[in-house]
Amino acid sequence: MRNVLFVRNDGLFAVAYINTAGELIETQVGDDATIDWTHIVAVG
């Protein structure tokens, strides 16, 4: 399973993955990410 991070420039974010049935499953949602990000880098 690989998670994907979705982030808007206003701080709204969601972490999700696609299950074996092809459905998008959200694992975390919030609105307190740092605003105006310009880059997201994969780690781990």
PDB file of N, CA and C in Angstrom:
ATOM      1  N   MET A   1       0.848  -1.177   0.000  1.00  0.00           N
ATOM      2  CA  MET A   1       0.000   0.000   0.000  1.00  0.00           C
ATOM      3  C   MET A   1       0.892   1.239   0.000  1.00  0.00           C
ATOM      4  N   ARG A   2       0.579   2.173  -0.874  1.00  0.00           N
ATOM      5  CA  ARG A   2       1.306   3.442  -0.931  1.00  0.00           C
ATOM      6  C   ARG A   2       0.319   4.576  -0.760  1.00  0.00           C
ATOM      7  N   ASN A   3       0.602   5.433   0.188  1.00  0.00           N
ATOM      8  CA  ASN A   3      -0.257   6.583   0.428  1.00  0.00           C
ATOM      9  C   ASN A   3       0.110   7.716  -0.505  1.00  0.00           C
ATOM     10  N   VAL A   4      -0.881   8.532  -0.834  1.00  0.00           N
ATOM     11  CA  VAL A   4      -0.689   9.722  -1.665  1.00  0.00           C
ATOM     12  C   VAL A   4      -1.151  10.922  -0.854  1.00  0.00           C
ATOM     13  N   LEU A   5      -0.383  11.995  -0.907  1.00  0.00           N
ATOM     14  CA  LEU A   5      -0.725  13.219  -0.197  1.00  0.00           C
ATOM     15  C   LEU A   5      -1.262  14.231  -1.199  1.00  0.00           C
ATOM     16  N   PHE A   6      -2.465  14.730  -0.944  1.00  0.00           N
ATOM     17  CA  PHE A   6      -3.074  15.780  -1.747  1.00  0.00           C
ATOM     18  C   PHE A   6      -3.070  17.046  -0.892  1.00  0.00           C
ATOM     19  N   VAL A   7      -2.543  18.160  -1.431  1.00  0.00           N
ATOM     20  CA  VAL A   7      -2.468  19.398  -0.658  1.00  0.00           C
ATOM     21  C   VAL A   7      -2.897  20.571  -1.528  1.00  0.00           C
ATOM     22  N   ARG A   8      -3.754  21.444  -0.967  1.00  0.00           N
ATOM     23  CA  ARG A   8      -4.101  22.703  -1.628  1.00  0.00           C
ATOM     24  C   ARG A   8      -3.274  23.807  -1.002  1.00  0.00           C
ATOM     25  N   ASN A   9      -3.126  24.913  -1.721  1.00  0.00           N
ATOM     26  CA  ASN A   9      -2.283  26.005  -1.231  1.00  0.00           C
ATOM     27  C   ASN A   9      -2.885  26.746  -0.043  1.00  0.00           C
ATOM     28  N   ASP A  10      -4.139  26.455   0.321  1.00  0.00           N
ATOM     29  CA  ASP A  10      -4.744  27.104   1.482  1.00  0.00           C
ATOM     30  C   ASP A  10      -4.631  26.268   2.757  1.00  0.00           C
ATOM     31  N   GLY A  11      -3.896  25.149   2.717  1.00  0.00           N
ATOM     32  CA  GLY A  11      -3.656  24.335   3.904  1.00  0.00           C
ATOM     33  C   GLY A  11      -4.527  23.097   4.027  1.00  0.00           C
ATOM     34  N   LEU A  12      -5.516  22.928   3.141  1.00  0.00           N
ATOM     35  CA  LEU A  12      -6.356  21.737   3.167  1.00  0.00           C
ATOM     36  C   LEU A  12      -5.546  20.562   2.612  1.00  0.00           C
ATOM     37  N   PHE A  13      -5.614  19.392   3.281  1.00  0.00           N
ATOM     38  CA  PHE A  13      -4.867  18.237   2.792  1.00  0.00           C
ATOM     39  C   PHE A  13      -5.652  16.955   3.026  1.00  0.00           C
ATOM     40  N   ALA A  14      -5.253  15.916   2.307  1.00  0.00           N
ATOM     41  CA  ALA A  14      -5.804  14.579   2.500  1.00  0.00           C
ATOM     42  C   ALA A  14      -4.725  13.562   2.172  1.00  0.00           C
ATOM     43  N   VAL A  15      -4.700  12.482   2.923  1.00  0.00           N
ATOM     44  CA  VAL A  15      -3.825  11.349   2.654  1.00  0.00           C
ATOM     45  C   VAL A  15      -4.743  10.189   2.287  1.00  0.00           C
ATOM     46  N   ALA A  16      -4.430   9.491   1.207  1.00  0.00           N
ATOM     47  CA  ALA A  16      -5.304   8.413   0.745  1.00  0.00           C
ATOM     48  C   ALA A  16      -4.492   7.355   0.008  1.00  0.00           C
ATOM     49  N   TYR A  17      -5.146   6.224  -0.242  1.00  0.00           N
ATOM     50  CA  TYR A  17      -4.560   5.172  -1.066  1.00  0.00           C
ATOM     51  C   TYR A  17      -5.675   4.533  -1.884  1.00  0.00           C
ATOM     52  N   ILE A  18      -5.284   3.792  -2.902  1.00  0.00           N
ATOM     53  CA  ILE A  18      -6.255   3.080  -3.740  1.00  0.00           C
ATOM     54  C   ILE A  18      -6.211   1.610  -3.347  1.00  0.00           C
ATOM     55  N   ASN A  19      -7.359   1.055  -2.945  1.00  0.00           N
ATOM     56  CA  ASN A  19      -7.393  -0.349  -2.518  1.00  0.00           C
ATOM     57  C   ASN A  19      -7.454  -1.281  -3.734  1.00  0.00           C
ATOM     58  N   THR A  20      -7.497  -2.569  -3.468  1.00  0.00           N
ATOM     59  CA  THR A  20      -7.465  -3.552  -4.563  1.00  0.00           C
ATOM     60  C   THR A  20      -8.721  -3.525  -5.434  1.00  0.00           C
ATOM     61  N   ALA A  21      -9.812  -2.933  -4.924  1.00  0.00           N
ATOM     62  CA  ALA A  21     -11.042  -2.798  -5.708  1.00  0.00           C
ATOM     63  C   ALA A  21     -11.039  -1.514  -6.543  1.00  0.00           C
ATOM     64  N   GLY A  22      -9.950  -0.729  -6.442  1.00  0.00           N
ATOM     65  CA  GLY A  22      -9.855   0.500  -7.214  1.00  0.00           C
ATOM     66  C   GLY A  22     -10.509   1.703  -6.568  1.00  0.00           C
ATOM     67  N   GLU A  23     -10.862   1.595  -5.282  1.00  0.00           N
ATOM     68  CA  GLU A  23     -11.507   2.697  -4.578  1.00  0.00           C
ATOM     69  C   GLU A  23     -10.474   3.556  -3.857  1.00  0.00           C
ATOM     70  N   LEU A  24     -10.690   4.861  -3.847  1.00  0.00           N
ATOM     71  CA  LEU A  24      -9.824   5.783  -3.130  1.00  0.00           C
ATOM     72  C   LEU A  24     -10.254   5.807  -1.669  1.00  0.00           C
ATOM     73  N   ILE A  25      -9.350   5.457  -0.768  1.00  0.00           N
ATOM     74  CA  ILE A  25      -9.645   5.378   0.661  1.00  0.00           C
ATOM     75  C   ILE A  25      -8.847   6.460   1.383  1.00  0.00           C
ATOM     76  N   GLU A  26      -9.558   7.418   1.992  1.00  0.00           N
ATOM     77  CA  GLU A  26      -8.891   8.482   2.746  1.00  0.00           C
ATOM     78  C   GLU A  26      -8.481   7.943   4.113  1.00  0.00           C
ATOM     79  N   THR A  27      -7.236   8.212   4.514  1.00  0.00           N
ATOM     80  CA  THR A  27      -6.764   7.782   5.822  1.00  0.00           C
ATOM     81  C   THR A  27      -6.585   8.958   6.767  1.00  0.00           C
ATOM     82  N   GLN A  28      -6.458  10.154   6.227  1.00  0.00           N
ATOM     83  CA  GLN A  28      -6.320  11.347   7.059  1.00  0.00           C
ATOM     84  C   GLN A  28      -6.748  12.565   6.251  1.00  0.00           C
ATOM     85  N   VAL A  29      -7.451  13.500   6.891  1.00  0.00           N
ATOM     86  CA  VAL A  29      -7.901  14.734   6.263  1.00  0.00           C
ATOM     87  C   VAL A  29      -7.708  15.851   7.272  1.00  0.00           C
ATOM     88  N   GLY A  30      -7.303  17.030   6.792  1.00  0.00           N
ATOM     89  CA  GLY A  30      -7.151  18.155   7.708  1.00  0.00           C
ATOM     90  C   GLY A  30      -7.079  19.471   6.965  1.00  0.00           C
ATOM     91  N   ASP A  31      -6.991  20.536   7.729  1.00  0.00           N
ATOM     92  CA  ASP A  31      -6.905  21.867   7.119  1.00  0.00           C
ATOM     93  C   ASP A  31      -5.822  22.723   7.765  1.00  0.00           C
ATOM     94  N   ASP A  32      -4.862  22.059   8.419  1.00  0.00           N
ATOM     95  CA  ASP A  32      -3.834  22.813   9.123  1.00  0.00           C
ATOM     96  C   ASP A  32      -2.422  22.605   8.574  1.00  0.00           C
ATOM     97  N   ALA A  33      -2.320  22.258   7.287  1.00  0.00           N
ATOM     98  CA  ALA A  33      -1.006  22.172   6.653  1.00  0.00           C
ATOM     99  C   ALA A  33      -0.488  23.594   6.412  1.00  0.00           C
ATOM    100  N   THR A  34       0.810  23.732   6.316  1.00  0.00           N
ATOM    101  CA  THR A  34       1.400  25.039   6.051  1.00  0.00           C
ATOM    102  C   THR A  34       0.882  25.570   4.718  1.00  0.00           C
ATOM    103  N   ILE A  35       0.425  26.818   4.686  1.00  0.00           N
ATOM    104  CA  ILE A  35      -0.129  27.374   3.450  1.00  0.00           C
ATOM    105  C   ILE A  35       0.980  27.752   2.468  1.00  0.00           C
ATOM    106  N   ASP A  36       0.625  27.818   1.198  1.00  0.00           N
ATOM    107  CA  ASP A  36       1.506  28.232   0.103  1.00  0.00           C
ATOM    108  C   ASP A  36       2.740  27.363  -0.079  1.00  0.00           C
ATOM    109  N   TRP A  37       2.597  26.035   0.095  1.00  0.00           N
ATOM    110  CA  TRP A  37       3.704  25.129  -0.208  1.00  0.00           C
ATOM    111  C   TRP A  37       4.015  25.217  -1.695  1.00  0.00           C
ATOM    112  N   THR A  38       5.275  25.035  -2.035  1.00  0.00           N
ATOM    113  CA  THR A  38       5.648  25.005  -3.444  1.00  0.00           C
ATOM    114  C   THR A  38       6.151  23.638  -3.878  1.00  0.00           C
ATOM    115  N   HIS A  39       6.587  22.808  -2.929  1.00  0.00           N
ATOM    116  CA  HIS A  39       7.119  21.484  -3.268  1.00  0.00           C
ATOM    117  C   HIS A  39       6.706  20.461  -2.209  1.00  0.00           C
ATOM    118  N   ILE A  40       6.434  19.256  -2.659  1.00  0.00           N
ATOM    119  CA  ILE A  40       6.230  18.113  -1.773  1.00  0.00           C
ATOM    120  C   ILE A  40       7.198  17.046  -2.237  1.00  0.00           C
ATOM    121  N   VAL A  41       7.985  16.503  -1.318  1.00  0.00           N
ATOM    122  CA  VAL A  41       9.034  15.547  -1.647  1.00  0.00           C
ATOM    123  C   VAL A  41       8.714  14.208  -1.011  1.00  0.00           C
ATOM    124  N   ALA A  42       8.827  13.130  -1.773  1.00  0.00           N
ATOM    125  CA  ALA A  42       8.609  11.780  -1.229  1.00  0.00           C
ATOM    126  C   ALA A  42       9.766  11.401  -0.318  1.00  0.00           C
ATOM    127  N   VAL A  43       9.441  10.761   0.804  1.00  0.00           N
ATOM    128  CA  VAL A  43      10.475  10.289   1.751  1.00  0.00           C
ATOM    129  C   VAL A  43      10.159   8.870   2.160  1.00  0.00           C
ATOM    130  N   GLY A  44      11.172   8.191   2.674  1.00  0.00           N
ATOM    131  CA  GLY A  44      10.949   6.853   3.236  1.00  0.00           C
ATOM    132  C   GLY A  44      11.167   5.737   2.322  1.00  0.00           C
TER     133      GLY A  44
END
